[in-house]
Amino acid sequence: MSILIVGGDRLGNIPNNLKSLGFTEIEHLSGRKMGHIAVNLPREIDAILVFIDYVNHGLALKIKKDAQKKGVKTIFARRSWSNIAKTWEAFKTG
């Protein structure tokens, strides 16, 4: 599975932890540059992880709309592994 991470400058161990969930391809977009709001989602992506504490509302809204159009799962979480894991589990079961 592939995932796009949006937000945050440093990811720390998050990519390794995502690999333990089964994600093999991990891309990162910091979301800091003004041009990032115009970025199109990659064609072959299974999920998007948006760090809500590191992106502005405009970018979050664009990612959400684009993901809905393409039918891509979108997870909105804070940039902490405990929050990501909890949100992912709730997303999978709900």
PDB file of N, CA and C in Angstrom:
ATOM      1  N   MET A   1       0.839  -1.171   0.000  1.00  0.00           N
ATOM      2  CA  MET A   1       0.000   0.000   0.000  1.00  0.00           C
ATOM      3  C   MET A   1       0.889   1.239   0.000  1.00  0.00           C
ATOM      4  N   SER A   2       0.342   2.322  -0.504  1.00  0.00           N
ATOM      5  CA  SER A   2       1.089   3.571  -0.544  1.00  0.00           C
ATOM      6  C   SER A   2       0.334   4.651   0.222  1.00  0.00           C
ATOM      7  N   ILE A   3       1.098   5.570   0.800  1.00  0.00           N
ATOM      8  CA  ILE A   3       0.500   6.652   1.591  1.00  0.00           C
ATOM      9  C   ILE A   3       1.251   7.949   1.319  1.00  0.00           C
ATOM     10  N   LEU A   4       0.502   9.028   1.305  1.00  0.00           N
ATOM     11  CA  LEU A   4       1.057  10.372   1.176  1.00  0.00           C
ATOM     12  C   LEU A   4       0.873  11.063   2.521  1.00  0.00           C
ATOM     13  N   ILE A   5       1.958  11.559   3.081  1.00  0.00           N
ATOM     14  CA  ILE A   5       1.910  12.307   4.332  1.00  0.00           C
ATOM     15  C   ILE A   5       1.975  13.785   3.984  1.00  0.00           C
ATOM     16  N   VAL A   6       1.012  14.554   4.485  1.00  0.00           N
ATOM     17  CA  VAL A   6       0.961  15.989   4.225  1.00  0.00           C
ATOM     18  C   VAL A   6       1.116  16.727   5.548  1.00  0.00           C
ATOM     19  N   GLY A   7       2.169  17.547   5.638  1.00  0.00           N
ATOM     20  CA  GLY A   7       2.407  18.350   6.824  1.00  0.00           C
ATOM     21  C   GLY A   7       3.621  17.868   7.587  1.00  0.00           C
ATOM     22  N   GLY A   8       4.181  18.768   8.360  1.00  0.00           N
ATOM     23  CA  GLY A   8       5.341  18.428   9.184  1.00  0.00           C
ATOM     24  C   GLY A   8       6.638  18.507   8.406  1.00  0.00           C
ATOM     25  N   ASP A   9       7.659  19.020   9.064  1.00  0.00           N
ATOM     26  CA  ASP A   9       8.970  19.095   8.439  1.00  0.00           C
ATOM     27  C   ASP A   9       9.762  17.825   8.677  1.00  0.00           C
ATOM     28  N   ARG A  10       9.688  17.335   9.881  1.00  0.00           N
ATOM     29  CA  ARG A  10      10.427  16.119  10.249  1.00  0.00           C
ATOM     30  C   ARG A  10       9.422  15.048  10.621  1.00  0.00           C
ATOM     31  N   LEU A  11       9.677  13.848  10.160  1.00  0.00           N
ATOM     32  CA  LEU A  11       8.740  12.756  10.416  1.00  0.00           C
ATOM     33  C   LEU A  11       9.196  11.800  11.499  1.00  0.00           C
ATOM     34  N   GLY A  12      10.480  11.849  11.846  1.00  0.00           N
ATOM     35  CA  GLY A  12      10.984  10.962  12.889  1.00  0.00           C
ATOM     36  C   GLY A  12      10.773   9.497  12.534  1.00  0.00           C
ATOM     37  N   ASN A  13      10.178   8.732  13.435  1.00  0.00           N
ATOM     38  CA  ASN A  13       9.950   7.298  13.224  1.00  0.00           C
ATOM     39  C   ASN A  13       8.608   6.988  12.573  1.00  0.00           C
ATOM     40  N   ILE A  14       7.852   7.999  12.217  1.00  0.00           N
ATOM     41  CA  ILE A  14       6.526   7.769  11.650  1.00  0.00           C
ATOM     42  C   ILE A  14       6.580   6.907  10.388  1.00  0.00           C
ATOM     43  N   PRO A  15       7.494   7.132   9.432  1.00  0.00           N
ATOM     44  CA  PRO A  15       7.544   6.243   8.265  1.00  0.00           C
ATOM     45  C   PRO A  15       7.788   4.778   8.641  1.00  0.00           C
ATOM     46  N   ASN A  16       8.675   4.530   9.600  1.00  0.00           N
ATOM     47  CA  ASN A  16       8.915   3.149  10.027  1.00  0.00           C
ATOM     48  C   ASN A  16       7.679   2.546  10.670  1.00  0.00           C
ATOM     49  N   ASN A  17       6.975   3.328  11.464  1.00  0.00           N
ATOM     50  CA  ASN A  17       5.751   2.848  12.092  1.00  0.00           C
ATOM     51  C   ASN A  17       4.664   2.579  11.055  1.00  0.00           C
ATOM     52  N   LEU A  18       4.597   3.423  10.025  1.00  0.00           N
ATOM     53  CA  LEU A  18       3.625   3.193   8.954  1.00  0.00           C
ATOM     54  C   LEU A  18       3.943   1.906   8.191  1.00  0.00           C
ATOM     55  N   LYS A  19       5.218   1.619   8.036  1.00  0.00           N
ATOM     56  CA  LYS A  19       5.610   0.363   7.385  1.00  0.00           C
ATOM     57  C   LYS A  19       5.114  -0.831   8.178  1.00  0.00           C
ATOM     58  N   SER A  20       5.094  -0.715   9.498  1.00  0.00           N
ATOM     59  CA  SER A  20       4.588  -1.821  10.323  1.00  0.00           C
ATOM     60  C   SER A  20       3.086  -2.018  10.137  1.00  0.00           C
ATOM     61  N   LEU A  21       2.396  -1.000   9.643  1.00  0.00           N
ATOM     62  CA  LEU A  21       0.964  -1.121   9.339  1.00  0.00           C
ATOM     63  C   LEU A  21       0.718  -1.653   7.933  1.00  0.00           C
ATOM     64  N   GLY A  22       1.795  -1.853   7.168  1.00  0.00           N
ATOM     65  CA  GLY A  22       1.655  -2.422   5.835  1.00  0.00           C
ATOM     66  C   GLY A  22       1.885  -1.465   4.683  1.00  0.00           C
ATOM     67  N   PHE A  23       2.253  -0.234   4.960  1.00  0.00           N
ATOM     68  CA  PHE A  23       2.524   0.726   3.889  1.00  0.00           C
ATOM     69  C   PHE A  23       3.949   0.526   3.389  1.00  0.00           C
ATOM     70  N   THR A  24       4.090   0.319   2.097  1.00  0.00           N
ATOM     71  CA  THR A  24       5.410   0.068   1.518  1.00  0.00           C
ATOM     72  C   THR A  24       5.970   1.303   0.817  1.00  0.00           C
ATOM     73  N   GLU A  25       5.101   2.138   0.265  1.00  0.00           N
ATOM     74  CA  GLU A  25       5.534   3.355  -0.412  1.00  0.00           C
ATOM     75  C   GLU A  25       5.036   4.555   0.385  1.00  0.00           C
ATOM     76  N   ILE A  26       5.965   5.407   0.814  1.00  0.00           N
ATOM     77  CA  ILE A  26       5.612   6.557   1.638  1.00  0.00           C
ATOM     78  C   ILE A  26       6.179   7.814   0.994  1.00  0.00           C
ATOM     79  N   GLU A  27       5.284   8.755   0.676  1.00  0.00           N
ATOM     80  CA  GLU A  27       5.691  10.042   0.126  1.00  0.00           C
ATOM     81  C   GLU A  27       5.368  11.114   1.150  1.00  0.00           C
ATOM     82  N   HIS A  28       6.138  12.217   1.117  1.00  0.00           N
ATOM     83  CA  HIS A  28       5.929  13.292   2.086  1.00  0.00           C
ATOM     84  C   HIS A  28       5.864  14.639   1.384  1.00  0.00           C
ATOM     85  N   LEU A  29       4.900  15.446   1.784  1.00  0.00           N
ATOM     86  CA  LEU A  29       4.732  16.808   1.290  1.00  0.00           C
ATOM     87  C   LEU A  29       4.617  17.702   2.523  1.00  0.00           C
ATOM     88  N   SER A  30       5.582  18.590   2.715  1.00  0.00           N
ATOM     89  CA  SER A  30       5.598  19.383   3.949  1.00  0.00           C
ATOM     90  C   SER A  30       4.395  20.310   4.067  1.00  0.00           C
ATOM     91  N   GLY A  31       3.899  20.818   2.950  1.00  0.00           N
ATOM     92  CA  GLY A  31       2.743  21.705   2.977  1.00  0.00           C
ATOM     93  C   GLY A  31       3.066  23.129   3.370  1.00  0.00           C
ATOM     94  N   ARG A  32       4.340  23.445   3.500  1.00  0.00           N
ATOM     95  CA  ARG A  32       4.729  24.799   3.935  1.00  0.00           C
ATOM     96  C   ARG A  32       4.751  25.808   2.797  1.00  0.00           C
ATOM     97  N   LYS A  33       5.056  25.375   1.601  1.00  0.00           N
ATOM     98  CA  LYS A  33       5.180  26.303   0.482  1.00  0.00           C
ATOM     99  C   LYS A  33       3.805  26.641  -0.078  1.00  0.00           C
ATOM    100  N   MET A  34       3.640  27.878  -0.509  1.00  0.00           N
ATOM    101  CA  MET A  34       2.359  28.312  -1.073  1.00  0.00           C
ATOM    102  C   MET A  34       1.964  27.471  -2.281  1.00  0.00           C
ATOM    103  N   GLY A  35       2.950  27.005  -3.039  1.00  0.00           N
ATOM    104  CA  GLY A  35       2.664  26.191  -4.219  1.00  0.00           C
ATOM    105  C   GLY A  35       2.110  24.820  -3.897  1.00  0.00           C
ATOM    106  N   HIS A  36       2.245  24.375  -2.669  1.00  0.00           N
ATOM    107  CA  HIS A  36       1.756  23.050  -2.305  1.00  0.00           C
ATOM    108  C   HIS A  36       0.235  22.961  -2.370  1.00  0.00           C
ATOM    109  N   ILE A  37      -0.450  24.084  -2.267  1.00  0.00           N
ATOM    110  CA  ILE A  37      -1.908  24.049  -2.342  1.00  0.00           C
ATOM    111  C   ILE A  37      -2.382  23.704  -3.754  1.00  0.00           C
ATOM    112  N   ALA A  38      -1.506  23.902  -4.745  1.00  0.00           N
ATOM    113  CA  ALA A  38      -1.853  23.598  -6.127  1.00  0.00           C
ATOM    114  C   ALA A  38      -1.394  22.206  -6.555  1.00  0.00           C
ATOM    115  N   VAL A  39      -0.785  21.459  -5.653  1.00  0.00           N
ATOM    116  CA  VAL A  39      -0.258  20.139  -5.985  1.00  0.00           C
ATOM    117  C   VAL A  39      -1.403  19.154  -6.197  1.00  0.00           C
ATOM    118  N   ASN A  40      -1.274  18.360  -7.241  1.00  0.00           N
ATOM    119  CA  ASN A  40      -2.251  17.300  -7.489  1.00  0.00           C
ATOM    120  C   ASN A  40      -1.819  16.032  -6.772  1.00  0.00           C
ATOM    121  N   LEU A  41      -2.781  15.259  -6.341  1.00  0.00           N
ATOM    122  CA  LEU A  41      -2.472  14.012  -5.660  1.00  0.00           C
ATOM    123  C   LEU A  41      -1.860  13.017  -6.640  1.00  0.00           C
ATOM    124  N   PRO A  42      -0.934  12.191  -6.155  1.00  0.00           N
ATOM    125  CA  PRO A  42      -0.396  11.142  -7.026  1.00  0.00           C
ATOM    126  C   PRO A  42      -1.510  10.215  -7.493  1.00  0.00           C
ATOM    127  N   ARG A  43      -1.371   9.681  -8.679  1.00  0.00           N
ATOM    128  CA  ARG A  43      -2.420   8.810  -9.238  1.00  0.00           C
ATOM    129  C   ARG A  43      -2.620   7.540  -8.431  1.00  0.00           C
ATOM    130  N   GLU A  44      -1.549   6.873  -8.134  1.00  0.00           N
ATOM    131  CA  GLU A  44      -1.637   5.591  -7.436  1.00  0.00           C
ATOM    132  C   GLU A  44      -1.302   5.777  -5.959  1.00  0.00           C
ATOM    133  N   ILE A  45      -2.282   6.138  -5.188  1.00  0.00           N
ATOM    134  CA  ILE A  45      -2.083   6.326  -3.754  1.00  0.00           C
ATOM    135  C   ILE A  45      -3.262   5.661  -3.041  1.00  0.00           C
ATOM    136  N   ASP A  46      -2.978   4.949  -1.956  1.00  0.00           N
ATOM    137  CA  ASP A  46      -4.029   4.236  -1.242  1.00  0.00           C
ATOM    138  C   ASP A  46      -4.604   5.029  -0.081  1.00  0.00           C
ATOM    139  N   ALA A  47      -3.790   5.888   0.526  1.00  0.00           N
ATOM    140  CA  ALA A  47      -4.249   6.658   1.684  1.00  0.00           C
ATOM    141  C   ALA A  47      -3.460   7.955   1.790  1.00  0.00           C
ATOM    142  N   ILE A  48      -4.057   8.903   2.484  1.00  0.00           N
ATOM    143  CA  ILE A  48      -3.409  10.184   2.752  1.00  0.00           C
ATOM    144  C   ILE A  48      -3.497  10.436   4.250  1.00  0.00           C
ATOM    145  N   LEU A  49      -2.378  10.818   4.820  1.00  0.00           N
ATOM    146  CA  LEU A  49      -2.310  11.173   6.229  1.00  0.00           C
ATOM    147  C   LEU A  49      -2.011  12.665   6.316  1.00  0.00           C
ATOM    148  N   VAL A  50      -2.937  13.435   6.875  1.00  0.00           N
ATOM    149  CA  VAL A  50      -2.774  14.876   6.986  1.00  0.00           C
ATOM    150  C   VAL A  50      -2.525  15.226   8.447  1.00  0.00           C
ATOM    151  N   PHE A  51      -1.399  15.877   8.699  1.00  0.00           N
ATOM    152  CA  PHE A  51      -1.094  16.345  10.044  1.00  0.00           C
ATOM    153  C   PHE A  51      -1.809  17.664  10.261  1.00  0.00           C
ATOM    154  N   ILE A  52      -2.892  17.645  11.012  1.00  0.00           N
ATOM    155  CA  ILE A  52      -3.740  18.824  11.163  1.00  0.00           C
ATOM    156  C   ILE A  52      -3.057  19.950  11.916  1.00  0.00           C
ATOM    157  N   ASP A  53      -2.027  19.629  12.676  1.00  0.00           N
ATOM    158  CA  ASP A  53      -1.330  20.684  13.396  1.00  0.00           C
ATOM    159  C   ASP A  53      -0.195  21.303  12.585  1.00  0.00           C
ATOM    160  N   TYR A  54      -0.056  20.914  11.313  1.00  0.00           N
ATOM    161  CA  TYR A  54       1.029  21.440  10.476  1.00  0.00           C
ATOM    162  C   TYR A  54       0.583  21.942   9.114  1.00  0.00           C
ATOM    163  N   VAL A  55      -0.706  21.956   8.817  1.00  0.00           N
ATOM    164  CA  VAL A  55      -1.170  22.465   7.520  1.00  0.00           C
ATOM    165  C   VAL A  55      -2.247  23.518   7.758  1.00  0.00           C
ATOM    166  N   ASN A  56      -2.396  24.400   6.786  1.00  0.00           N
ATOM    167  CA  ASN A  56      -3.443  25.412   6.918  1.00  0.00           C
ATOM    168  C   ASN A  56      -4.779  24.843   6.416  1.00  0.00           C
ATOM    169  N   HIS A  57      -5.849  25.552   6.716  1.00  0.00           N
ATOM    170  CA  HIS A  57      -7.182  25.068   6.368  1.00  0.00           C
ATOM    171  C   HIS A  57      -7.381  24.920   4.866  1.00  0.00           C
ATOM    172  N   GLY A  58      -6.807  25.838   4.101  1.00  0.00           N
ATOM    173  CA  GLY A  58      -6.960  25.775   2.648  1.00  0.00           C
ATOM    174  C   GLY A  58      -6.380  24.507   2.058  1.00  0.00           C
ATOM    175  N   LEU A  59      -5.189  24.142   2.499  1.00  0.00           N
ATOM    176  CA  LEU A  59      -4.557  22.923   1.999  1.00  0.00           C
ATOM    177  C   LEU A  59      -5.312  21.684   2.474  1.00  0.00           C
ATOM    178  N   ALA A  60      -5.736  21.675   3.723  1.00  0.00           N
ATOM    179  CA  ALA A  60      -6.491  20.525   4.245  1.00  0.00           C
ATOM    180  C   ALA A  60      -7.788  20.325   3.465  1.00  0.00           C
ATOM    181  N   LEU A  61      -8.476  21.415   3.160  1.00  0.00           N
ATOM    182  CA  LEU A  61      -9.719  21.335   2.398  1.00  0.00           C
ATOM    183  C   LEU A  61      -9.470  20.831   0.986  1.00  0.00           C
ATOM    184  N   LYS A  62      -8.413  21.317   0.345  1.00  0.00           N
ATOM    185  CA  LYS A  62      -8.095  20.865  -1.014  1.00  0.00           C
ATOM    186  C   LYS A  62      -7.761  19.377  -1.026  1.00  0.00           C
ATOM    187  N   ILE A  63      -6.956  18.926  -0.073  1.00  0.00           N
ATOM    188  CA  ILE A  63      -6.602  17.511   0.008  1.00  0.00           C
ATOM    189  C   ILE A  63      -7.865  16.681   0.201  1.00  0.00           C
ATOM    190  N   LYS A  64      -8.747  17.133   1.083  1.00  0.00           N
ATOM    191  CA  LYS A  64      -9.986  16.397   1.369  1.00  0.00           C
ATOM    192  C   LYS A  64     -10.850  16.276   0.119  1.00  0.00           C
ATOM    193  N   LYS A  65     -11.032  17.378  -0.600  1.00  0.00           N
ATOM    194  CA  LYS A  65     -11.857  17.359  -1.816  1.00  0.00           C
ATOM    195  C   LYS A  65     -11.245  16.479  -2.897  1.00  0.00           C
ATOM    196  N   ASP A  66      -9.934  16.629  -3.120  1.00  0.00           N
ATOM    197  CA  ASP A  66      -9.262  15.826  -4.146  1.00  0.00           C
ATOM    198  C   ASP A  66      -9.320  14.343  -3.805  1.00  0.00           C
ATOM    199  N   ALA A  67      -9.143  14.022  -2.538  1.00  0.00           N
ATOM    200  CA  ALA A  67      -9.178  12.619  -2.115  1.00  0.00           C
ATOM    201  C   ALA A  67     -10.569  12.032  -2.297  1.00  0.00           C
ATOM    202  N   GLN A  68     -11.601  12.799  -1.990  1.00  0.00           N
ATOM    203  CA  GLN A  68     -12.968  12.320  -2.173  1.00  0.00           C
ATOM    204  C   GLN A  68     -13.263  12.050  -3.640  1.00  0.00           C
ATOM    205  N   LYS A  69     -12.781  12.929  -4.528  1.00  0.00           N
ATOM    206  CA  LYS A  69     -12.996  12.739  -5.963  1.00  0.00           C
ATOM    207  C   LYS A  69     -12.346  11.452  -6.458  1.00  0.00           C
ATOM    208  N   LYS A  70     -11.163  11.130  -5.902  1.00  0.00           N
ATOM    209  CA  LYS A  70     -10.420   9.952  -6.344  1.00  0.00           C
ATOM    210  C   LYS A  70     -10.739   8.709  -5.521  1.00  0.00           C
ATOM    211  N   GLY A  71     -11.539   8.860  -4.481  1.00  0.00           N
ATOM    212  CA  GLY A  71     -11.884   7.729  -3.642  1.00  0.00           C
ATOM    213  C   GLY A  71     -10.742   7.228  -2.777  1.00  0.00           C
ATOM    214  N   VAL A  72      -9.897   8.144  -2.328  1.00  0.00           N
ATOM    215  CA  VAL A  72      -8.733   7.792  -1.516  1.00  0.00           C
ATOM    216  C   VAL A  72      -9.057   8.004  -0.038  1.00  0.00           C
ATOM    217  N   LYS A  73      -8.691   7.049   0.800  1.00  0.00           N
ATOM    218  CA  LYS A  73      -8.880   7.175   2.242  1.00  0.00           C
ATOM    219  C   LYS A  73      -8.039   8.331   2.767  1.00  0.00           C
ATOM    220  N   THR A  74      -8.633   9.171   3.608  1.00  0.00           N
ATOM    221  CA  THR A  74      -7.911  10.297   4.176  1.00  0.00           C
ATOM    222  C   THR A  74      -8.012  10.250   5.689  1.00  0.00           C
ATOM    223  N   ILE A  75      -6.870  10.348   6.341  1.00  0.00           N
ATOM    224  CA  ILE A  75      -6.800  10.319   7.793  1.00  0.00           C
ATOM    225  C   ILE A  75      -6.276  11.671   8.256  1.00  0.00           C
ATOM    226  N   PHE A  76      -7.009  12.320   9.147  1.00  0.00           N
ATOM    227  CA  PHE A  76      -6.585  13.593   9.720  1.00  0.00           C
ATOM    228  C   PHE A  76      -6.183  13.324  11.165  1.00  0.00           C
ATOM    229  N   ALA A  77      -4.917  13.617  11.491  1.00  0.00           N
ATOM    230  CA  ALA A  77      -4.410  13.338  12.835  1.00  0.00           C
ATOM    231  C   ALA A  77      -3.337  14.345  13.210  1.00  0.00           C
ATOM    232  N   ARG A  78      -3.064  14.406  14.511  1.00  0.00           N
ATOM    233  CA  ARG A  78      -1.938  15.210  14.972  1.00  0.00           C
ATOM    234  C   ARG A  78      -0.652  14.435  14.712  1.00  0.00           C
ATOM    235  N   ARG A  79       0.489  15.137  14.731  1.00  0.00           N
ATOM    236  CA  ARG A  79       1.751  14.484  14.411  1.00  0.00           C
ATOM    237  C   ARG A  79       2.347  13.818  15.652  1.00  0.00           C
ATOM    238  N   SER A  80       1.659  12.822  16.133  1.00  0.00           N
ATOM    239  CA  SER A  80       2.182  11.976  17.203  1.00  0.00           C
ATOM    240  C   SER A  80       1.747  10.560  16.875  1.00  0.00           C
ATOM    241  N   TRP A  81       2.638   9.614  17.072  1.00  0.00           N
ATOM    242  CA  TRP A  81       2.317   8.247  16.667  1.00  0.00           C
ATOM    243  C   TRP A  81       1.099   7.718  17.413  1.00  0.00           C
ATOM    244  N   SER A  82       0.949   8.052  18.677  1.00  0.00           N
ATOM    245  CA  SER A  82      -0.208   7.550  19.432  1.00  0.00           C
ATOM    246  C   SER A  82      -1.511   8.049  18.821  1.00  0.00           C
ATOM    247  N   ASN A  83      -1.543   9.309  18.392  1.00  0.00           N
ATOM    248  CA  ASN A  83      -2.744   9.843  17.761  1.00  0.00           C
ATOM    249  C   ASN A  83      -2.969   9.245  16.383  1.00  0.00           C
ATOM    250  N   ILE A  84      -1.905   9.054  15.636  1.00  0.00           N
ATOM    251  CA  ILE A  84      -2.018   8.455  14.297  1.00  0.00           C
ATOM    252  C   ILE A  84      -2.550   7.029  14.408  1.00  0.00           C
ATOM    253  N   ALA A  85      -1.975   6.233  15.317  1.00  0.00           N
ATOM    254  CA  ALA A  85      -2.397   4.833  15.470  1.00  0.00           C
ATOM    255  C   ALA A  85      -3.854   4.752  15.915  1.00  0.00           C
ATOM    256  N   LYS A  86      -4.239   5.605  16.853  1.00  0.00           N
ATOM    257  CA  LYS A  86      -5.619   5.606  17.339  1.00  0.00           C
ATOM    258  C   LYS A  86      -6.584   5.999  16.218  1.00  0.00           C
ATOM    259  N   THR A  87      -6.246   7.018  15.462  1.00  0.00           N
ATOM    260  CA  THR A  87      -7.089   7.479  14.357  1.00  0.00           C
ATOM    261  C   THR A  87      -7.171   6.420  13.264  1.00  0.00           C
ATOM    262  N   TRP A  88      -6.057   5.758  12.967  1.00  0.00           N
ATOM    263  CA  TRP A  88      -6.031   4.711  11.949  1.00  0.00           C
ATOM    264  C   TRP A  88      -6.923   3.544  12.348  1.00  0.00           C
ATOM    265  N   GLU A  89      -6.846   3.117  13.593  1.00  0.00           N
ATOM    266  CA  GLU A  89      -7.673   2.004  14.074  1.00  0.00           C
ATOM    267  C   GLU A  89      -9.163   2.362  14.002  1.00  0.00           C
ATOM    268  N   ALA A  90      -9.502   3.581  14.426  1.00  0.00           N
ATOM    269  CA  ALA A  90     -10.896   4.020  14.362  1.00  0.00           C
ATOM    270  C   ALA A  90     -11.366   4.103  12.917  1.00  0.00           C
ATOM    271  N   PHE A  91     -10.477   4.520  12.038  1.00  0.00           N
ATOM    272  CA  PHE A  91     -10.807   4.635  10.614  1.00  0.00           C
ATOM    273  C   PHE A  91     -11.059   3.261  10.006  1.00  0.00           C
ATOM    274  N   LYS A  92     -10.208   2.298  10.349  1.00  0.00           N
ATOM    275  CA  LYS A  92     -10.349   0.946   9.789  1.00  0.00           C
ATOM    276  C   LYS A  92     -11.621   0.258  10.270  1.00  0.00           C
ATOM    277  N   THR A  93     -11.960   0.443  11.530  1.00  0.00           N
ATOM    278  CA  THR A  93     -13.114  -0.253  12.089  1.00  0.00           C
ATOM    279  C   THR A  93     -14.424   0.468  11.837  1.00  0.00           C
ATOM    280  N   GLY A  94     -14.350   1.776  11.595  1.00  0.00           N
ATOM    281  CA  GLY A  94     -15.585   2.549  11.443  1.00  0.00           C
ATOM    282  C   GLY A  94     -15.890   2.829  10.040  1.00  0.00           C
TER     283      GLY A  94
END
